[in-house]
């Protein structure tokens, strides 16, 4: 991708975290889903590591290697005109140097942001040491400062995997988020929280823009905006919903031999137009 175009997209992406409205970030797993989200009006596209891994026949949790993940990130970034941010899981490596290499790979792929989680790869409920995670973020920031702007979204999984005692999760999540912000993160991501009161408290306690993961039962984007949330994403939800539709089609086809499950499919001509002029 042209460096100046990529720089402009990075600047635009960072601005989207500043308002005035909340950034509603759709998460794609391939070029088709990215194009659909863009055409629906998404101002930026995030990738979903779980969705991309599943499309390759692999489970989430860094079972897909970095090169394969970056190949899809590159394809998505080249297919849309909006900023793309890449979900890089825990950074694809257990060293600070590997995290820095991953940040460089994201920029080479044409993305302008990344999402870094503090779950230990493969461990899920086990969280990385705060100091070590901060060093990884600092290394990623150093790579970006030396090349192209990069919006770092630092994720803590305290709530998502119910890490530690319930009464201490809020304090732990805030401590981690603020440490990651100090290390150079642009946005702080706390998935697993749906309660409006808790979300409002997190907004006030965290020293930076807050990203919330939305799912059925979560507050609407408008309500999250009123609470002060700056970014809302949907993770692998749309991809899993797509699998559910395919599953219903398969069951109908195999059990009844009928085809109503895809009666509302887009036309062949519309599909062709969707991918016209895609690099």
Protein backbone atom coordinates (compact mmCIF):
# COMPACT_ATOMS: atom_id res chain seq x y z
CA UNK A 1 0.00 0.00 0.00
CA UNK A 2 1.13 3.54 -0.73
CA UNK A 3 2.78 4.86 2.48
CA UNK A 4 1.09 8.26 2.26
CA UNK A 5 -2.33 6.65 1.80
CA UNK A 6 -1.65 4.37 4.74
CA UNK A 7 -0.52 7.32 6.84
CA UNK A 8 -3.69 9.22 5.99
CA UNK A 9 -5.82 6.23 6.96
CA UNK A 10 -3.95 5.90 10.26
CA UNK A 11 -4.54 9.54 11.09
CA UNK A 12 -8.21 9.18 10.17
CA UNK A 13 -8.53 6.06 12.30
CA UNK A 14 -7.05 7.79 15.33
CA UNK A 15 -9.42 10.73 14.82
CA UNK A 16 -12.40 8.36 14.83
CA UNK A 17 -11.59 7.57 18.48
CA UNK A 18 -11.89 11.25 19.37
CA UNK A 19 -15.52 11.71 18.40
CA UNK A 20 -17.86 13.38 18.18
CA UNK A 21 -19.71 10.07 17.81
CA UNK A 22 -18.79 6.58 18.96
CA UNK A 23 -16.78 4.46 16.53
CA UNK A 24 -18.83 1.39 15.59
CA UNK A 25 -16.22 -1.05 14.36
CA UNK A 26 -17.35 -4.01 12.26
CA UNK A 27 -15.13 -7.11 12.39
CA UNK A 28 -14.45 -8.96 9.14
CA UNK A 29 -12.95 -12.37 8.48
CA UNK A 30 -12.48 -12.21 4.71
CA UNK A 31 -12.72 -9.78 1.80
CA UNK A 32 -16.41 -10.43 1.25
CA UNK A 33 -17.41 -9.58 4.82
CA UNK A 34 -15.13 -6.53 4.77
CA UNK A 35 -16.74 -5.22 1.59
CA UNK A 36 -20.23 -5.79 2.98
CA UNK A 37 -19.42 -3.86 6.15
CA UNK A 38 -17.84 -1.03 4.18
CA UNK A 39 -20.80 -0.77 1.81
CA UNK A 40 -23.13 -0.65 4.83
CA UNK A 41 -21.30 2.46 6.03
CA UNK A 42 -18.65 1.19 8.44
CA UNK A 43 -16.02 3.92 8.86
CA UNK A 44 -13.33 1.37 9.70
CA UNK A 45 -12.92 -2.38 9.61
CA UNK A 46 -11.46 -4.58 12.31
CA UNK A 47 -10.47 -8.18 11.73
CA UNK A 48 -11.50 -11.05 13.97
CA UNK A 49 -8.77 -13.56 14.77
CA UNK A 50 -11.34 -16.21 15.66
CA UNK A 51 -13.22 -15.65 12.41
CA UNK A 52 -10.11 -15.77 10.22
CA UNK A 53 -8.77 -18.84 12.01
CA UNK A 54 -12.11 -20.63 11.68
CA UNK A 55 -12.27 -19.85 7.96
CA UNK A 56 -8.90 -21.65 7.70
CA UNK A 57 -10.20 -24.64 9.66
CA UNK A 58 -8.40 -23.73 12.87
CA UNK A 59 -9.51 -22.78 16.41
CA UNK A 60 -8.78 -19.39 17.93
CA UNK A 61 -5.84 -18.83 20.25
CA UNK A 62 -2.87 -18.38 17.90
CA UNK A 63 -3.42 -21.77 16.25
CA UNK A 64 -3.14 -19.90 12.94
CA UNK A 65 0.37 -18.60 12.37
CA UNK A 66 1.25 -14.96 11.93
CA UNK A 67 2.02 -15.22 8.22
CA UNK A 68 -1.35 -16.76 7.41
CA UNK A 69 -3.15 -14.17 9.53
CA UNK A 70 -1.29 -11.30 7.88
CA UNK A 71 -2.12 -12.66 4.42
CA UNK A 72 -5.82 -12.18 5.15
CA UNK A 73 -5.24 -8.80 6.83
CA UNK A 74 -3.41 -7.68 3.69
CA UNK A 75 -6.22 -8.91 1.43
CA UNK A 76 -8.80 -7.05 3.51
CA UNK A 77 -6.75 -3.83 3.72
CA UNK A 78 -6.35 -3.79 -0.07
CA UNK A 79 -10.04 -4.44 -0.67
CA UNK A 80 -11.53 -1.46 1.19
CA UNK A 81 -11.06 2.30 1.25
CA UNK A 82 -11.48 2.65 5.02
CA UNK A 83 -8.89 2.09 7.78
CA UNK A 84 -8.28 -1.52 8.81
CA UNK A 85 -7.11 -2.66 12.24
CA UNK A 86 -5.80 -6.19 12.78
CA UNK A 87 -6.54 -8.55 15.64
CA UNK A 88 -3.12 -10.04 16.41
CA UNK A 89 -4.20 -12.01 19.47
CA UNK A 90 -1.33 -12.05 22.02
CA UNK A 91 1.26 -10.95 19.45
CA UNK A 92 2.35 -14.33 18.04
CA UNK A 93 5.29 -14.96 20.28
CA UNK A 94 6.31 -14.99 23.92
CA UNK A 95 8.98 -12.31 23.65
CA UNK A 96 9.00 -8.54 23.30
CA UNK A 97 10.94 -8.92 20.06
CA UNK A 98 8.21 -11.08 18.54
CA UNK A 99 5.61 -8.49 19.47
CA UNK A 100 7.64 -5.82 17.70
CA UNK A 101 7.91 -8.04 14.62
CA UNK A 102 4.15 -8.50 14.66
CA UNK A 103 3.59 -4.73 14.72
CA UNK A 104 5.90 -4.40 11.74
CA UNK A 105 4.01 -7.18 9.93
CA UNK A 106 0.71 -5.37 10.53
CA UNK A 107 2.07 -2.20 8.95
CA UNK A 108 3.54 -4.11 6.01
CA UNK A 109 0.12 -5.70 5.47
CA UNK A 110 -1.39 -2.23 5.08
CA UNK A 111 -3.36 -2.10 8.34
CA UNK A 112 -3.22 1.00 10.53
CA UNK A 113 -4.13 -0.46 13.90
CA UNK A 114 -3.83 -3.61 15.95
CA UNK A 115 -5.57 -5.30 18.84
CA UNK A 116 -3.30 -6.94 21.43
CA UNK A 117 -4.73 -9.11 24.21
CA UNK A 118 -3.12 -9.93 27.54
CA UNK A 119 -4.32 -13.53 27.70
CA UNK A 120 -1.45 -15.96 27.56
CA UNK A 121 -1.67 -17.76 24.21
CA UNK A 122 -3.33 -21.13 24.76
CA UNK A 123 -4.03 -20.37 28.41
CA UNK A 124 -7.04 -18.08 28.03
CA UNK A 125 -7.86 -17.63 31.71
CA UNK A 126 -4.20 -16.91 32.46
CA UNK A 127 -3.19 -13.28 32.02
CA UNK A 128 0.26 -11.98 31.17
CA UNK A 129 2.33 -10.09 33.70
CA UNK A 130 1.43 -6.39 33.51
CA UNK A 131 5.05 -5.32 33.21
CA UNK A 132 5.78 -7.77 30.40
CA UNK A 133 2.61 -6.80 28.53
CA UNK A 134 3.54 -3.14 28.88
CA UNK A 135 6.97 -3.87 27.40
CA UNK A 136 5.31 -5.51 24.39
CA UNK A 137 3.15 -2.43 23.87
CA UNK A 138 6.17 -0.15 24.19
CA UNK A 139 8.02 -2.22 21.58
CA UNK A 140 5.09 -2.00 19.20
CA UNK A 141 4.87 1.75 19.74
CA UNK A 142 8.58 2.09 19.01
CA UNK A 143 8.13 0.27 15.68
CA UNK A 144 5.27 2.57 14.73
CA UNK A 145 7.13 5.73 15.74
CA UNK A 146 9.98 4.70 13.48
CA UNK A 147 7.80 3.90 10.45
CA UNK A 148 4.08 4.66 10.14
CA UNK A 149 1.36 5.63 12.62
CA UNK A 150 -0.31 2.68 14.32
CA UNK A 151 -3.35 2.75 16.59
CA UNK A 152 -2.76 0.23 19.38
CA UNK A 153 -5.86 -1.17 21.07
CA UNK A 154 -4.69 -2.89 24.28
CA UNK A 155 -7.09 -5.54 25.49
CA UNK A 156 -7.35 -7.03 28.95
CA UNK A 157 -9.35 -10.22 29.46
CA UNK A 158 -10.03 -9.83 33.16
CA UNK A 159 -13.80 -9.84 32.62
CA UNK A 160 -13.97 -11.98 29.48
CA UNK A 161 -12.43 -15.01 31.16
CA UNK A 162 -13.57 -14.06 34.68
CA UNK A 163 -10.00 -13.91 35.88
CA UNK A 164 -9.50 -13.78 39.64
CA UNK A 165 -11.98 -12.94 42.37
CA UNK A 166 -15.13 -11.24 41.09
CA UNK A 167 -14.89 -8.37 43.61
CA UNK A 168 -11.37 -7.55 42.43
CA UNK A 169 -11.97 -7.62 38.66
CA UNK A 170 -12.85 -3.96 38.30
CA UNK A 171 -9.70 -2.83 40.09
CA UNK A 172 -7.56 -5.30 38.15
CA UNK A 173 -9.03 -4.29 34.78
CA UNK A 174 -8.50 -0.59 35.50
CA UNK A 175 -4.95 -1.16 36.74
CA UNK A 176 -4.07 -3.10 33.61
CA UNK A 177 -5.77 -0.70 31.21
CA UNK A 178 -4.06 2.34 32.70
CA UNK A 179 -0.67 0.60 32.66
CA UNK A 180 -1.15 -0.24 28.98
CA UNK A 181 -2.19 3.33 28.24
CA UNK A 182 0.97 4.60 29.94
CA UNK A 183 3.01 2.14 27.86
CA UNK A 184 1.69 3.66 24.63
CA UNK A 185 -1.73 2.20 23.87
CA UNK A 186 -4.19 4.52 22.10
CA UNK A 187 -7.36 2.71 23.16
CA UNK A 188 -8.20 0.25 25.95
CA UNK A 189 -10.37 -2.78 25.25
CA UNK A 190 -12.27 -4.58 28.01
CA UNK A 191 -14.44 -7.34 26.53
CA UNK A 192 -16.88 -9.29 28.66
CA UNK A 193 -18.63 -6.32 30.29
CA UNK A 194 -22.31 -5.66 29.52
CA UNK A 195 -23.61 -3.98 32.66
CA UNK A 196 -24.11 -0.24 31.97
CA UNK A 197 -23.18 0.76 35.51
CA UNK A 198 -19.86 -1.09 35.34
CA UNK A 199 -19.15 0.30 31.87
CA UNK A 200 -19.79 3.83 33.11
CA UNK A 201 -17.41 3.30 36.02
CA UNK A 202 -14.74 1.96 33.68
CA UNK A 203 -15.06 5.02 31.44
CA UNK A 204 -14.39 7.29 34.42
CA UNK A 205 -11.53 5.22 35.86
CA UNK A 206 -9.56 4.55 32.68
CA UNK A 207 -7.22 7.23 31.33
CA UNK A 208 -8.04 6.79 27.66
CA UNK A 209 -10.70 5.81 25.11
CA UNK A 210 -12.62 2.67 26.06
CA UNK A 211 -13.54 -0.11 23.61
CA UNK A 212 -16.42 -2.45 24.52
CA UNK A 213 -17.25 -5.77 22.85
CA UNK A 214 -20.93 -5.90 21.89
CA UNK A 215 -23.14 -8.98 21.66
CA UNK A 216 -26.89 -9.65 21.92
CA UNK A 217 -27.91 -8.23 25.28
CA UNK A 218 -25.25 -5.52 25.31
CA UNK A 219 -26.24 -1.84 25.48
CA UNK A 220 -26.85 -0.29 22.08
CA UNK A 221 -24.16 1.81 20.43
CA UNK A 222 -26.18 4.92 21.27
CA UNK A 223 -26.35 3.94 24.95
CA UNK A 224 -22.64 3.13 25.03
CA UNK A 225 -21.95 6.55 23.54
CA UNK A 226 -23.99 8.19 26.30
CA UNK A 227 -21.92 6.25 28.85
CA UNK A 228 -18.74 7.71 27.34
CA UNK A 229 -17.49 4.65 25.42
CA UNK A 230 -15.46 5.69 22.39
CA UNK A 231 -15.38 2.43 20.40
CA UNK A 232 -17.61 -0.64 20.13
CA UNK A 233 -16.69 -3.78 18.21
CA UNK A 234 -18.45 -7.08 17.56
CA UNK A 235 -15.62 -9.61 17.37
CA UNK A 236 -16.45 -12.99 15.85
CA UNK A 237 -20.21 -12.55 16.38
CA UNK A 238 -21.13 -11.82 12.73
CA UNK A 239 -18.94 -14.66 11.48
CA UNK A 240 -20.52 -17.11 13.92
CA UNK A 241 -23.96 -15.88 12.88
CA UNK A 242 -23.01 -16.57 9.27
CA UNK A 243 -22.03 -20.11 10.24
CA UNK A 244 -25.43 -20.49 11.93
CA UNK A 245 -27.20 -19.50 8.69
CA UNK A 246 -25.09 -21.98 6.74
CA UNK A 247 -25.90 -24.67 9.29
CA UNK A 248 -29.65 -24.06 8.86
CA UNK A 249 -29.28 -24.22 5.07
CA UNK A 250 -27.36 -27.49 5.36
CA UNK A 251 -29.91 -29.11 7.65
CA UNK A 252 -32.80 -28.10 5.40
CA UNK A 253 -31.00 -29.27 2.28
CA UNK A 254 -30.02 -32.64 3.72
CA UNK A 255 -33.24 -33.40 5.60
CA UNK A 256 -35.90 -31.93 3.32
CA UNK A 257 -34.20 -31.35 -0.01
CA UNK A 258 -35.55 -27.78 -0.13
CA UNK A 259 -33.82 -24.43 -0.52
CA UNK A 260 -35.71 -21.73 1.38
CA UNK A 261 -32.71 -21.14 3.63
CA UNK A 262 -31.02 -19.09 0.95
CA UNK A 263 -34.09 -17.56 -0.68
CA UNK A 264 -32.89 -14.11 0.35
CA UNK A 265 -29.35 -14.59 -0.97
CA UNK A 266 -27.85 -11.69 -2.87
CA UNK A 267 -27.94 -12.18 -6.62
CA UNK A 268 -25.00 -13.54 -8.57
CA UNK A 269 -24.72 -10.20 -10.38
CA UNK A 270 -24.61 -8.32 -7.05
CA UNK A 271 -21.88 -10.63 -5.82
CA UNK A 272 -19.83 -9.98 -8.92
CA UNK A 273 -20.27 -6.21 -8.52
CA UNK A 274 -19.16 -6.47 -4.89
CA UNK A 275 -15.75 -7.70 -5.96
CA UNK A 276 -15.28 -5.58 -9.06
CA UNK A 277 -12.04 -3.58 -8.89
CA UNK A 278 -10.92 -5.35 -5.71
CA UNK A 279 -7.09 -5.71 -5.75
